[in-house]
Amino acid sequence: MEIKWEQEWDKIYKDQGEVQIDVLPTARVAADIFRKNNCKNIMDLGCGTGRHSIYLAERGFKIYATDISETGLEITRSKAERLNLSNIEFKQHDMRNISFYNDSFDGILCLWTTGHGTLEDSRENVNEIYRVLKPNGVVVIDYVSIDDENYGKGKAIEKDTFINNVEGEENIPHHYSTAEELKELYSNFSKINIIPIDYYFNDKYGNKHTIKAFVVISIK
């Protein structure tokens, strides 16, 4: 199944604008982890419209805001300019093919991104994260759990992966993970901590939703 990822995400951001604006609690925790581990150069991988890039930049980190969607990056850039933030650089690329050299970053933040795609997409993403992290670099990343409310909806295209099951992202595959799967994906890392988390948010109609997920904190 061929997905034109850039076109799909450009359409979503052009149609919906800033789909989420609240800073997730995981990003706040990540900022503390990056600071404690003396991480200075941070990539916000799959930054979307930049809520976490802005949050981290305002706390003094050097941020590389990256996304497959040029529209998302344009929205992020406009917000950074309005806030006079000069410590953010922007780069368009696919999360499965990160266009930076090996050992480039002290830390990587990647939230509400990795579940978009198949298990193989996630595997390629993890391999790229490992490659561009410096030795002892830290990644804070999350994955939607098989216990999530949208698991099993829509059409299954492989094990634990469905399409047409999330409103507003009908053409995007969504993969759902287990703790055992994540341990295998991160087996090359020296340390891995997997923490269950519930995210709460309201949709555009005011309806409350819960995303059941795992936060993975790993050190290269």
N, C-alpha and C. Protein backbone atom coordinates (compact mmCIF):
# COMPACT_ATOMS: atom_id res chain seq x y z
N MET A 1 0.85 -1.19 0.00
CA MET A 1 0.00 0.00 0.00
C MET A 1 0.88 1.25 0.00
N GLU A 2 0.77 2.06 -1.02
CA GLU A 2 1.62 3.25 -1.13
C GLU A 2 0.87 4.46 -0.58
N ILE A 3 1.48 5.10 0.43
CA ILE A 3 0.92 6.30 1.02
C ILE A 3 1.76 7.49 0.61
N LYS A 4 1.13 8.52 0.08
CA LYS A 4 1.85 9.76 -0.23
C LYS A 4 1.82 10.63 1.02
N TRP A 5 2.78 10.34 1.92
CA TRP A 5 2.75 10.90 3.27
C TRP A 5 2.75 12.42 3.27
N GLU A 6 3.62 13.02 2.49
CA GLU A 6 3.72 14.48 2.50
C GLU A 6 2.40 15.11 2.09
N GLN A 7 1.79 14.58 1.02
CA GLN A 7 0.53 15.13 0.53
C GLN A 7 -0.58 14.95 1.56
N GLU A 8 -0.61 13.78 2.21
CA GLU A 8 -1.66 13.52 3.19
C GLU A 8 -1.57 14.49 4.36
N TRP A 9 -0.35 14.69 4.90
CA TRP A 9 -0.20 15.57 6.06
C TRP A 9 -0.36 17.03 5.68
N ASP A 10 0.10 17.41 4.49
CA ASP A 10 -0.15 18.78 4.04
C ASP A 10 -1.65 19.06 3.98
N LYS A 11 -2.41 18.11 3.46
CA LYS A 11 -3.86 18.29 3.35
C LYS A 11 -4.48 18.43 4.74
N ILE A 12 -4.03 17.58 5.69
CA ILE A 12 -4.58 17.64 7.04
C ILE A 12 -4.33 19.01 7.67
N TYR A 13 -3.09 19.51 7.55
CA TYR A 13 -2.78 20.79 8.17
C TYR A 13 -3.42 21.96 7.44
N LYS A 14 -3.56 21.85 6.12
CA LYS A 14 -4.25 22.92 5.38
C LYS A 14 -5.73 22.94 5.70
N ASP A 15 -6.34 21.77 5.86
CA ASP A 15 -7.77 21.69 6.15
C ASP A 15 -8.08 22.01 7.61
N GLN A 16 -7.20 21.55 8.52
CA GLN A 16 -7.52 21.61 9.95
C GLN A 16 -6.68 22.62 10.72
N GLY A 17 -5.60 23.13 10.13
CA GLY A 17 -4.74 24.08 10.84
C GLY A 17 -4.01 23.41 11.99
N GLU A 18 -3.94 24.08 13.12
CA GLU A 18 -3.27 23.51 14.29
C GLU A 18 -4.21 22.50 14.93
N VAL A 19 -3.98 21.23 14.63
CA VAL A 19 -4.90 20.20 15.08
C VAL A 19 -4.83 19.99 16.59
N GLN A 20 -3.68 20.25 17.20
CA GLN A 20 -3.53 20.18 18.65
C GLN A 20 -2.60 21.32 19.07
N ILE A 21 -2.95 22.00 20.17
CA ILE A 21 -2.13 23.12 20.63
C ILE A 21 -1.58 22.95 22.04
N ASP A 22 -2.21 22.10 22.85
CA ASP A 22 -1.78 21.94 24.23
C ASP A 22 -0.48 21.14 24.30
N VAL A 23 0.43 21.57 25.15
CA VAL A 23 1.68 20.84 25.37
C VAL A 23 1.39 19.58 26.18
N LEU A 24 1.81 18.44 25.67
CA LEU A 24 1.55 17.17 26.34
C LEU A 24 2.42 17.03 27.59
N PRO A 25 1.91 16.35 28.62
CA PRO A 25 2.71 16.16 29.83
C PRO A 25 4.02 15.43 29.56
N THR A 26 4.04 14.57 28.56
CA THR A 26 5.27 13.85 28.22
C THR A 26 6.36 14.82 27.76
N ALA A 27 5.99 15.89 27.07
CA ALA A 27 6.98 16.89 26.64
C ALA A 27 7.58 17.61 27.84
N ARG A 28 6.77 17.87 28.85
CA ARG A 28 7.27 18.53 30.07
C ARG A 28 8.25 17.61 30.80
N VAL A 29 7.90 16.34 30.88
CA VAL A 29 8.81 15.37 31.49
C VAL A 29 10.10 15.26 30.67
N ALA A 30 9.96 15.24 29.35
CA ALA A 30 11.13 15.14 28.48
C ALA A 30 12.09 16.29 28.70
N ALA A 31 11.56 17.51 28.86
CA ALA A 31 12.43 18.67 29.09
C ALA A 31 13.29 18.46 30.33
N ASP A 32 12.70 17.92 31.40
CA ASP A 32 13.47 17.63 32.62
C ASP A 32 14.52 16.55 32.38
N ILE A 33 14.13 15.52 31.63
CA ILE A 33 15.08 14.43 31.33
C ILE A 33 16.25 14.96 30.50
N PHE A 34 15.94 15.75 29.48
CA PHE A 34 17.01 16.30 28.64
C PHE A 34 17.95 17.18 29.47
N ARG A 35 17.40 17.97 30.35
CA ARG A 35 18.23 18.86 31.18
C ARG A 35 19.12 18.04 32.12
N LYS A 36 18.55 17.03 32.75
CA LYS A 36 19.32 16.21 33.70
C LYS A 36 20.44 15.44 32.99
N ASN A 37 20.24 15.12 31.71
CA ASN A 37 21.24 14.39 30.94
C ASN A 37 22.13 15.31 30.11
N ASN A 38 22.06 16.60 30.39
CA ASN A 38 22.90 17.60 29.72
C ASN A 38 22.72 17.58 28.21
N CYS A 39 21.49 17.35 27.77
CA CYS A 39 21.17 17.37 26.34
C CYS A 39 20.90 18.80 25.91
N LYS A 40 21.60 19.24 24.89
CA LYS A 40 21.45 20.62 24.42
C LYS A 40 20.81 20.70 23.03
N ASN A 41 21.25 19.84 22.12
CA ASN A 41 20.72 19.82 20.75
C ASN A 41 19.61 18.77 20.65
N ILE A 42 18.38 19.22 20.46
CA ILE A 42 17.22 18.32 20.50
C ILE A 42 16.49 18.36 19.16
N MET A 43 16.18 17.20 18.62
CA MET A 43 15.31 17.13 17.44
C MET A 43 13.89 16.82 17.89
N ASP A 44 12.94 17.66 17.45
CA ASP A 44 11.52 17.36 17.62
C ASP A 44 11.08 16.68 16.33
N LEU A 45 11.04 15.36 16.38
CA LEU A 45 10.80 14.53 15.20
C LEU A 45 9.30 14.37 14.98
N GLY A 46 8.83 14.80 13.80
CA GLY A 46 7.39 14.83 13.57
C GLY A 46 6.75 15.95 14.36
N CYS A 47 7.29 17.15 14.20
CA CYS A 47 6.90 18.28 15.05
C CYS A 47 5.49 18.77 14.77
N GLY A 48 4.90 18.37 13.62
CA GLY A 48 3.56 18.84 13.31
C GLY A 48 3.52 20.34 13.16
N THR A 49 2.68 21.00 13.96
CA THR A 49 2.59 22.46 13.90
C THR A 49 3.35 23.12 15.04
N GLY A 50 4.23 22.36 15.69
CA GLY A 50 5.29 22.96 16.48
C GLY A 50 5.05 23.23 17.95
N ARG A 51 4.00 22.69 18.53
CA ARG A 51 3.74 23.03 19.94
C ARG A 51 4.89 22.65 20.85
N HIS A 52 5.53 21.50 20.60
CA HIS A 52 6.61 21.07 21.48
C HIS A 52 7.96 21.68 21.09
N SER A 53 8.15 21.98 19.82
CA SER A 53 9.35 22.70 19.40
C SER A 53 9.40 24.06 20.10
N ILE A 54 8.27 24.76 20.09
CA ILE A 54 8.19 26.07 20.74
C ILE A 54 8.43 25.93 22.25
N TYR A 55 7.78 24.95 22.85
CA TYR A 55 7.91 24.75 24.30
C TYR A 55 9.37 24.52 24.70
N LEU A 56 10.07 23.66 23.98
CA LEU A 56 11.46 23.35 24.31
C LEU A 56 12.39 24.53 24.00
N ALA A 57 12.13 25.21 22.89
CA ALA A 57 12.96 26.36 22.54
C ALA A 57 12.85 27.45 23.60
N GLU A 58 11.66 27.64 24.12
CA GLU A 58 11.46 28.66 25.16
C GLU A 58 12.20 28.30 26.45
N ARG A 59 12.59 27.05 26.58
CA ARG A 59 13.33 26.61 27.76
C ARG A 59 14.83 26.51 27.49
N GLY A 60 15.26 27.05 26.38
CA GLY A 60 16.68 27.25 26.14
C GLY A 60 17.39 26.16 25.36
N PHE A 61 16.68 25.13 24.93
CA PHE A 61 17.31 24.09 24.13
C PHE A 61 17.49 24.57 22.68
N LYS A 62 18.51 24.05 22.01
CA LYS A 62 18.65 24.24 20.58
C LYS A 62 17.77 23.20 19.90
N ILE A 63 16.77 23.65 19.15
CA ILE A 63 15.76 22.74 18.62
C ILE A 63 15.86 22.62 17.10
N TYR A 64 15.72 21.40 16.64
CA TYR A 64 15.62 21.11 15.21
C TYR A 64 14.20 20.57 14.99
N ALA A 65 13.34 21.45 14.48
CA ALA A 65 11.94 21.08 14.23
C ALA A 65 11.86 20.41 12.86
N THR A 66 11.46 19.14 12.84
CA THR A 66 11.45 18.39 11.59
C THR A 66 10.10 17.71 11.39
N ASP A 67 9.67 17.65 10.14
CA ASP A 67 8.40 17.03 9.82
C ASP A 67 8.38 16.71 8.33
N ILE A 68 7.52 15.77 7.94
CA ILE A 68 7.39 15.44 6.53
C ILE A 68 6.56 16.50 5.79
N SER A 69 5.78 17.28 6.54
CA SER A 69 4.87 18.25 5.94
C SER A 69 5.48 19.65 5.94
N GLU A 70 5.65 20.22 4.76
CA GLU A 70 6.13 21.60 4.67
C GLU A 70 5.09 22.57 5.25
N THR A 71 3.81 22.24 5.14
CA THR A 71 2.77 23.09 5.71
C THR A 71 2.90 23.14 7.23
N GLY A 72 3.11 21.99 7.86
CA GLY A 72 3.32 21.97 9.31
C GLY A 72 4.52 22.79 9.72
N LEU A 73 5.61 22.68 8.94
CA LEU A 73 6.81 23.44 9.24
C LEU A 73 6.59 24.94 9.06
N GLU A 74 5.81 25.32 8.06
CA GLU A 74 5.51 26.74 7.84
C GLU A 74 4.74 27.32 9.02
N ILE A 75 3.79 26.57 9.56
CA ILE A 75 3.03 27.01 10.72
C ILE A 75 3.97 27.15 11.92
N THR A 76 4.85 26.17 12.12
CA THR A 76 5.81 26.22 13.22
C THR A 76 6.74 27.42 13.08
N ARG A 77 7.24 27.64 11.86
CA ARG A 77 8.16 28.75 11.61
C ARG A 77 7.49 30.09 11.90
N SER A 78 6.24 30.25 11.50
CA SER A 78 5.51 31.49 11.74
C SER A 78 5.35 31.75 13.24
N LYS A 79 5.06 30.72 14.01
CA LYS A 79 4.92 30.89 15.45
C LYS A 79 6.25 31.27 16.08
N ALA A 80 7.34 30.62 15.64
CA ALA A 80 8.66 30.93 16.18
C ALA A 80 9.05 32.38 15.88
N GLU A 81 8.72 32.85 14.68
CA GLU A 81 9.04 34.23 14.31
C GLU A 81 8.25 35.23 15.14
N ARG A 82 6.97 34.92 15.39
CA ARG A 82 6.16 35.82 16.22
C ARG A 82 6.71 35.93 17.64
N LEU A 83 7.31 34.85 18.12
CA LEU A 83 7.85 34.82 19.48
C LEU A 83 9.33 35.21 19.53
N ASN A 84 9.88 35.57 18.37
CA ASN A 84 11.30 35.97 18.29
C ASN A 84 12.24 34.88 18.80
N LEU A 85 11.92 33.64 18.48
CA LEU A 85 12.77 32.52 18.88
C LEU A 85 13.79 32.25 17.77
N SER A 86 15.05 32.39 18.10
CA SER A 86 16.12 32.20 17.10
C SER A 86 16.84 30.88 17.27
N ASN A 87 16.42 30.07 18.24
CA ASN A 87 17.12 28.81 18.53
C ASN A 87 16.37 27.59 17.97
N ILE A 88 15.63 27.78 16.86
CA ILE A 88 14.96 26.67 16.17
C ILE A 88 15.41 26.66 14.72
N GLU A 89 15.84 25.49 14.26
CA GLU A 89 16.08 25.26 12.84
C GLU A 89 15.03 24.30 12.30
N PHE A 90 14.78 24.37 11.01
CA PHE A 90 13.67 23.62 10.41
C PHE A 90 14.19 22.72 9.29
N LYS A 91 13.63 21.51 9.24
CA LYS A 91 14.06 20.56 8.21
C LYS A 91 12.88 19.66 7.84
N GLN A 92 12.65 19.51 6.55
CA GLN A 92 11.61 18.61 6.08
C GLN A 92 12.21 17.26 5.74
N HIS A 93 11.68 16.21 6.33
CA HIS A 93 12.12 14.85 5.98
C HIS A 93 11.14 13.83 6.52
N ASP A 94 11.24 12.64 6.01
CA ASP A 94 10.46 11.49 6.45
C ASP A 94 11.09 10.92 7.71
N MET A 95 10.28 10.50 8.68
CA MET A 95 10.83 9.96 9.92
C MET A 95 11.54 8.63 9.68
N ARG A 96 11.31 8.00 8.54
CA ARG A 96 11.99 6.74 8.22
C ARG A 96 13.30 6.96 7.48
N ASN A 97 13.58 8.21 7.17
CA ASN A 97 14.81 8.55 6.44
C ASN A 97 15.24 9.95 6.89
N ILE A 98 15.85 10.02 8.07
CA ILE A 98 16.19 11.30 8.69
C ILE A 98 17.43 11.88 8.02
N SER A 99 17.32 13.10 7.54
CA SER A 99 18.39 13.68 6.72
C SER A 99 19.39 14.47 7.57
N PHE A 100 19.96 13.78 8.56
CA PHE A 100 21.06 14.31 9.36
C PHE A 100 22.15 13.25 9.46
N TYR A 101 23.36 13.71 9.77
CA TYR A 101 24.50 12.80 9.90
C TYR A 101 24.35 11.92 11.15
N ASN A 102 25.13 10.84 11.17
CA ASN A 102 25.21 10.00 12.36
C ASN A 102 25.63 10.83 13.57
N ASP A 103 25.15 10.44 14.74
CA ASP A 103 25.59 11.05 16.02
C ASP A 103 25.40 12.56 16.03
N SER A 104 24.24 13.04 15.59
CA SER A 104 24.00 14.48 15.47
C SER A 104 23.34 15.10 16.71
N PHE A 105 22.57 14.31 17.47
CA PHE A 105 21.71 14.92 18.49
C PHE A 105 21.96 14.34 19.88
N ASP A 106 21.84 15.24 20.87
CA ASP A 106 21.89 14.81 22.28
C ASP A 106 20.58 14.15 22.68
N GLY A 107 19.48 14.63 22.10
CA GLY A 107 18.18 14.10 22.47
C GLY A 107 17.19 14.20 21.33
N ILE A 108 16.19 13.35 21.36
CA ILE A 108 15.11 13.36 20.37
C ILE A 108 13.78 13.24 21.10
N LEU A 109 12.86 14.12 20.74
CA LEU A 109 11.48 14.04 21.22
C LEU A 109 10.60 13.67 20.03
N CYS A 110 9.71 12.70 20.23
CA CYS A 110 8.84 12.27 19.13
C CYS A 110 7.51 11.83 19.74
N LEU A 111 6.51 12.72 19.66
CA LEU A 111 5.23 12.46 20.32
C LEU A 111 4.07 12.52 19.33
N TRP A 112 3.16 11.58 19.49
CA TRP A 112 1.95 11.48 18.67
C TRP A 112 2.31 11.39 17.19
N THR A 113 3.37 10.64 16.90
CA THR A 113 3.87 10.55 15.52
C THR A 113 4.03 9.11 15.06
N THR A 114 4.64 8.27 15.89
CA THR A 114 5.10 6.96 15.44
C THR A 114 4.00 5.97 15.11
N GLY A 115 2.81 6.17 15.65
CA GLY A 115 1.73 5.24 15.34
C GLY A 115 1.20 5.37 13.93
N HIS A 116 1.65 6.40 13.22
CA HIS A 116 1.20 6.61 11.84
C HIS A 116 2.07 5.78 10.90
N GLY A 117 1.52 4.68 10.42
CA GLY A 117 2.27 3.80 9.55
C GLY A 117 2.16 2.36 10.00
N THR A 118 3.01 1.53 9.46
CA THR A 118 3.02 0.10 9.78
C THR A 118 4.11 -0.21 10.80
N LEU A 119 4.17 -1.47 11.23
CA LEU A 119 5.24 -1.88 12.14
C LEU A 119 6.60 -1.69 11.48
N GLU A 120 6.72 -1.97 10.20
CA GLU A 120 7.99 -1.78 9.51
C GLU A 120 8.37 -0.31 9.46
N ASP A 121 7.40 0.58 9.31
CA ASP A 121 7.68 2.01 9.38
C ASP A 121 8.27 2.37 10.74
N SER A 122 7.69 1.82 11.81
CA SER A 122 8.22 2.07 13.15
C SER A 122 9.63 1.54 13.30
N ARG A 123 9.89 0.37 12.74
CA ARG A 123 11.23 -0.23 12.84
C ARG A 123 12.26 0.65 12.12
N GLU A 124 11.91 1.13 10.93
CA GLU A 124 12.82 2.01 10.20
C GLU A 124 13.06 3.31 10.97
N ASN A 125 12.00 3.81 11.59
CA ASN A 125 12.11 5.03 12.38
C ASN A 125 13.07 4.84 13.56
N VAL A 126 12.92 3.74 14.29
CA VAL A 126 13.80 3.48 15.44
C VAL A 126 15.25 3.34 14.99
N ASN A 127 15.48 2.66 13.89
CA ASN A 127 16.85 2.52 13.38
C ASN A 127 17.46 3.88 13.05
N GLU A 128 16.66 4.77 12.47
CA GLU A 128 17.14 6.11 12.15
C GLU A 128 17.39 6.93 13.42
N ILE A 129 16.51 6.82 14.39
CA ILE A 129 16.72 7.51 15.67
C ILE A 129 18.03 7.07 16.30
N TYR A 130 18.27 5.77 16.31
CA TYR A 130 19.51 5.25 16.89
C TYR A 130 20.72 5.81 16.14
N ARG A 131 20.62 5.88 14.84
CA ARG A 131 21.75 6.35 14.03
C ARG A 131 22.10 7.80 14.31
N VAL A 132 21.09 8.67 14.41
CA VAL A 132 21.38 10.11 14.53
C VAL A 132 21.59 10.56 15.98
N LEU A 133 21.29 9.70 16.94
CA LEU A 133 21.59 10.04 18.33
C LEU A 133 23.08 9.87 18.61
N LYS A 134 23.63 10.79 19.42
CA LYS A 134 25.00 10.64 19.89
C LYS A 134 25.08 9.49 20.90
N PRO A 135 26.26 8.91 21.13
CA PRO A 135 26.40 7.94 22.22
C PRO A 135 25.89 8.54 23.53
N ASN A 136 25.12 7.77 24.27
CA ASN A 136 24.47 8.20 25.51
C ASN A 136 23.35 9.21 25.26
N GLY A 137 22.97 9.41 23.99
CA GLY A 137 21.84 10.29 23.68
C GLY A 137 20.53 9.68 24.15
N VAL A 138 19.54 10.54 24.36
CA VAL A 138 18.26 10.13 24.95
C VAL A 138 17.11 10.36 23.97
N VAL A 139 16.24 9.39 23.83
CA VAL A 139 15.01 9.58 23.05
C VAL A 139 13.82 9.41 23.99
N VAL A 140 12.86 10.33 23.87
CA VAL A 140 11.58 10.23 24.56
C VAL A 140 10.52 10.19 23.47
N ILE A 141 9.77 9.10 23.41
CA ILE A 141 8.89 8.82 22.28
C ILE A 141 7.68 8.05 22.77
N ASP A 142 6.56 8.15 22.07
CA ASP A 142 5.39 7.40 22.51
C ASP A 142 4.77 6.59 21.37
N TYR A 143 4.01 5.58 21.78
CA TYR A 143 3.35 4.65 20.86
C TYR A 143 1.95 4.36 21.39
N VAL A 144 0.98 4.32 20.49
CA VAL A 144 -0.39 4.01 20.90
C VAL A 144 -0.49 2.51 21.20
N SER A 145 -1.20 2.18 22.27
CA SER A 145 -1.33 0.80 22.74
C SER A 145 -2.47 0.07 22.05
N ILE A 146 -2.38 -1.24 22.04
CA ILE A 146 -3.48 -2.06 21.52
C ILE A 146 -4.73 -1.95 22.41
N ASP A 147 -4.61 -1.33 23.59
CA ASP A 147 -5.77 -1.12 24.46
C ASP A 147 -6.51 0.18 24.14
N ASP A 148 -6.05 0.92 23.13
CA ASP A 148 -6.68 2.19 22.78
C ASP A 148 -8.08 1.97 22.20
N GLU A 149 -8.93 3.00 22.34
CA GLU A 149 -10.33 2.89 21.91
C GLU A 149 -10.48 2.71 20.41
N ASN A 150 -9.51 3.14 19.62
CA ASN A 150 -9.62 3.02 18.16
C ASN A 150 -9.03 1.73 17.60
N TYR A 151 -8.42 0.93 18.46
CA TYR A 151 -7.86 -0.35 18.00
C TYR A 151 -8.99 -1.24 17.47
N GLY A 152 -8.76 -1.81 16.30
CA GLY A 152 -9.74 -2.72 15.71
C GLY A 152 -10.78 -2.07 14.84
N LYS A 153 -10.85 -0.73 14.85
CA LYS A 153 -11.80 -0.03 13.99
C LYS A 153 -11.23 0.09 12.57
N GLY A 154 -12.10 0.35 11.62
CA GLY A 154 -11.65 0.51 10.24
C GLY A 154 -11.29 -0.82 9.61
N LYS A 155 -10.32 -0.78 8.72
CA LYS A 155 -9.90 -1.95 7.97
C LYS A 155 -8.48 -2.36 8.38
N ALA A 156 -8.30 -3.63 8.74
CA ALA A 156 -6.97 -4.14 9.09
C ALA A 156 -6.15 -4.33 7.82
N ILE A 157 -4.92 -3.79 7.81
CA ILE A 157 -4.04 -3.99 6.65
C ILE A 157 -2.86 -4.90 7.01
N GLU A 158 -2.64 -5.12 8.29
CA GLU A 158 -1.68 -6.10 8.80
C GLU A 158 -2.01 -6.26 10.28
N LYS A 159 -1.26 -7.11 10.97
CA LYS A 159 -1.51 -7.32 12.40
C LYS A 159 -1.37 -6.00 13.16
N ASP A 160 -2.41 -5.65 13.90
CA ASP A 160 -2.41 -4.47 14.79
C ASP A 160 -2.29 -3.15 14.04
N THR A 161 -2.60 -3.13 12.75
CA THR A 161 -2.52 -1.91 11.94
C THR A 161 -3.81 -1.74 11.15
N PHE A 162 -4.40 -0.54 11.22
CA PHE A 162 -5.71 -0.31 10.63
C PHE A 162 -5.71 1.01 9.86
N ILE A 163 -6.58 1.09 8.88
CA ILE A 163 -6.77 2.31 8.11
C ILE A 163 -8.24 2.68 8.17
N ASN A 164 -8.51 3.98 7.98
CA ASN A 164 -9.88 4.50 8.05
C ASN A 164 -10.50 4.26 9.42
N ASN A 165 -9.69 4.46 10.48
CA ASN A 165 -10.20 4.22 11.83
C ASN A 165 -10.06 5.43 12.74
N VAL A 166 -9.49 6.54 12.25
CA VAL A 166 -9.36 7.75 13.05
C VAL A 166 -9.90 8.92 12.25
N GLU A 167 -10.87 9.63 12.81
CA GLU A 167 -11.48 10.75 12.10
C GLU A 167 -10.45 11.83 11.78
N GLY A 168 -10.47 12.29 10.55
CA GLY A 168 -9.54 13.31 10.11
C GLY A 168 -8.25 12.76 9.55
N GLU A 169 -8.00 11.47 9.77
CA GLU A 169 -6.79 10.82 9.27
C GLU A 169 -7.16 9.52 8.57
N GLU A 170 -8.24 9.56 7.80
CA GLU A 170 -8.80 8.34 7.22
C GLU A 170 -7.84 7.60 6.30
N ASN A 171 -6.96 8.32 5.61
CA ASN A 171 -6.06 7.69 4.65
C ASN A 171 -4.72 7.29 5.26
N ILE A 172 -4.56 7.52 6.57
CA ILE A 172 -3.30 7.24 7.25
C ILE A 172 -3.42 5.91 8.01
N PRO A 173 -2.50 4.96 7.81
CA PRO A 173 -2.52 3.74 8.62
C PRO A 173 -2.13 4.06 10.07
N HIS A 174 -2.72 3.33 11.01
CA HIS A 174 -2.40 3.50 12.43
C HIS A 174 -2.02 2.14 13.01
N HIS A 175 -0.81 2.09 13.55
CA HIS A 175 -0.31 0.86 14.18
C HIS A 175 -0.41 0.98 15.69
N TYR A 176 -0.76 -0.13 16.34
CA TYR A 176 -0.93 -0.17 17.79
C TYR A 176 0.06 -1.18 18.36
N SER A 177 0.71 -0.80 19.45
CA SER A 177 1.87 -1.55 19.95
C SER A 177 1.59 -2.24 21.28
N THR A 178 2.47 -3.20 21.59
CA THR A 178 2.52 -3.84 22.91
C THR A 178 3.87 -3.53 23.53
N ALA A 179 3.96 -3.71 24.85
CA ALA A 179 5.24 -3.49 25.54
C ALA A 179 6.29 -4.46 25.02
N GLU A 180 5.89 -5.69 24.73
CA GLU A 180 6.84 -6.69 24.24
C GLU A 180 7.41 -6.29 22.88
N GLU A 181 6.57 -5.77 22.02
CA GLU A 181 7.01 -5.31 20.70
C GLU A 181 8.02 -4.16 20.85
N LEU A 182 7.75 -3.25 21.76
CA LEU A 182 8.63 -2.10 21.94
C LEU A 182 9.98 -2.52 22.52
N LYS A 183 9.98 -3.49 23.41
CA LYS A 183 11.26 -3.99 23.93
C LYS A 183 12.12 -4.54 22.80
N GLU A 184 11.48 -5.22 21.85
CA GLU A 184 12.23 -5.76 20.72
C GLU A 184 12.73 -4.64 19.80
N LEU A 185 11.88 -3.64 19.56
CA LEU A 185 12.28 -2.54 18.68
C LEU A 185 13.48 -1.78 19.23
N TYR A 186 13.57 -1.68 20.54
CA TYR A 186 14.63 -0.88 21.18
C TYR A 186 15.74 -1.75 21.78
N SER A 187 15.87 -2.97 21.29
CA SER A 187 16.84 -3.90 21.87
C SER A 187 18.29 -3.46 21.67
N ASN A 188 18.55 -2.58 20.69
CA ASN A 188 19.92 -2.09 20.47
C ASN A 188 20.32 -1.00 21.45
N PHE A 189 19.37 -0.41 22.14
CA PHE A 189 19.68 0.67 23.07
C PHE A 189 20.22 0.11 24.38
N SER A 190 21.05 0.91 25.06
CA SER A 190 21.67 0.43 26.30
C SER A 190 20.68 0.39 27.46
N LYS A 191 19.70 1.32 27.45
CA LYS A 191 18.69 1.35 28.49
C LYS A 191 17.34 1.64 27.85
N ILE A 192 16.30 1.04 28.40
CA ILE A 192 14.95 1.30 27.91
C ILE A 192 13.98 1.24 29.08
N ASN A 193 13.11 2.23 29.13
CA ASN A 193 12.07 2.28 30.15
C ASN A 193 10.75 2.50 29.42
N ILE A 194 9.77 1.61 29.64
CA ILE A 194 8.47 1.67 28.97
C ILE A 194 7.41 1.95 30.02
N ILE A 195 6.68 3.06 29.83
CA ILE A 195 5.73 3.53 30.83
C ILE A 195 4.35 3.68 30.20
N PRO A 196 3.34 2.97 30.71
CA PRO A 196 1.97 3.19 30.20
C PRO A 196 1.49 4.59 30.55
N ILE A 197 0.72 5.20 29.65
CA ILE A 197 0.19 6.53 29.89
C ILE A 197 -1.16 6.67 29.23
N ASP A 198 -2.03 7.47 29.84
CA ASP A 198 -3.30 7.84 29.24
C ASP A 198 -3.25 9.32 28.90
N TYR A 199 -3.50 9.65 27.64
CA TYR A 199 -3.63 11.05 27.21
C TYR A 199 -5.11 11.39 27.12
N TYR A 200 -5.48 12.57 27.60
CA TYR A 200 -6.86 13.01 27.55
C TYR A 200 -6.97 14.26 26.68
N PHE A 201 -7.97 14.31 25.80
CA PHE A 201 -8.17 15.49 24.98
C PHE A 201 -9.62 15.57 24.53
N ASN A 202 -10.03 16.77 24.10
CA ASN A 202 -11.37 16.98 23.55
C ASN A 202 -11.26 17.15 22.04
N ASP A 203 -12.18 16.54 21.29
CA ASP A 203 -12.18 16.73 19.85
C ASP A 203 -12.87 18.06 19.50
N LYS A 204 -12.97 18.34 18.20
CA LYS A 204 -13.51 19.63 17.76
C LYS A 204 -14.99 19.80 18.12
N TYR A 205 -15.65 18.70 18.49
CA TYR A 205 -17.05 18.77 18.89
C TYR A 205 -17.20 18.89 20.40
N GLY A 206 -16.08 18.89 21.12
CA GLY A 206 -16.11 18.97 22.57
C GLY A 206 -16.22 17.63 23.27
N ASN A 207 -16.18 16.54 22.50
CA ASN A 207 -16.24 15.21 23.09
C ASN A 207 -14.90 14.83 23.69
N LYS A 208 -14.94 14.19 24.86
CA LYS A 208 -13.72 13.79 25.54
C LYS A 208 -13.23 12.44 25.02
N HIS A 209 -11.91 12.32 24.87
CA HIS A 209 -11.31 11.07 24.41
C HIS A 209 -10.08 10.74 25.24
N THR A 210 -9.75 9.46 25.25
CA THR A 210 -8.54 8.99 25.90
C THR A 210 -7.71 8.21 24.89
N ILE A 211 -6.42 8.53 24.81
CA ILE A 211 -5.48 7.73 24.02
C ILE A 211 -4.65 6.92 24.99
N LYS A 212 -4.73 5.61 24.87
CA LYS A 212 -3.91 4.73 25.72
C LYS A 212 -2.61 4.44 24.98
N ALA A 213 -1.50 4.72 25.63
CA ALA A 213 -0.22 4.67 24.95
C ALA A 213 0.89 4.20 25.88
N PHE A 214 2.06 4.07 25.31
CA PHE A 214 3.29 3.82 26.05
C PHE A 214 4.28 4.94 25.76
N VAL A 215 4.94 5.44 26.78
CA VAL A 215 6.09 6.33 26.60
C VAL A 215 7.35 5.50 26.74
N VAL A 216 8.23 5.61 25.76
CA VAL A 216 9.51 4.91 25.78
C VAL A 216 10.61 5.94 26.01
N ILE A 217 11.40 5.72 27.05
CA ILE A 217 12.56 6.56 27.34
C ILE A 217 13.79 5.66 27.20
N SER A 218 14.62 5.95 26.20
CA SER A 218 15.76 5.07 25.91
C SER A 218 17.04 5.86 25.77
N ILE A 219 18.13 5.22 26.15
CA ILE A 219 19.46 5.80 26.02
C ILE A 219 20.28 4.94 25.08
N LYS A 220 20.94 5.59 24.11
CA LYS A 220 21.75 4.87 23.13
C LYS A 220 22.96 4.25 23.80
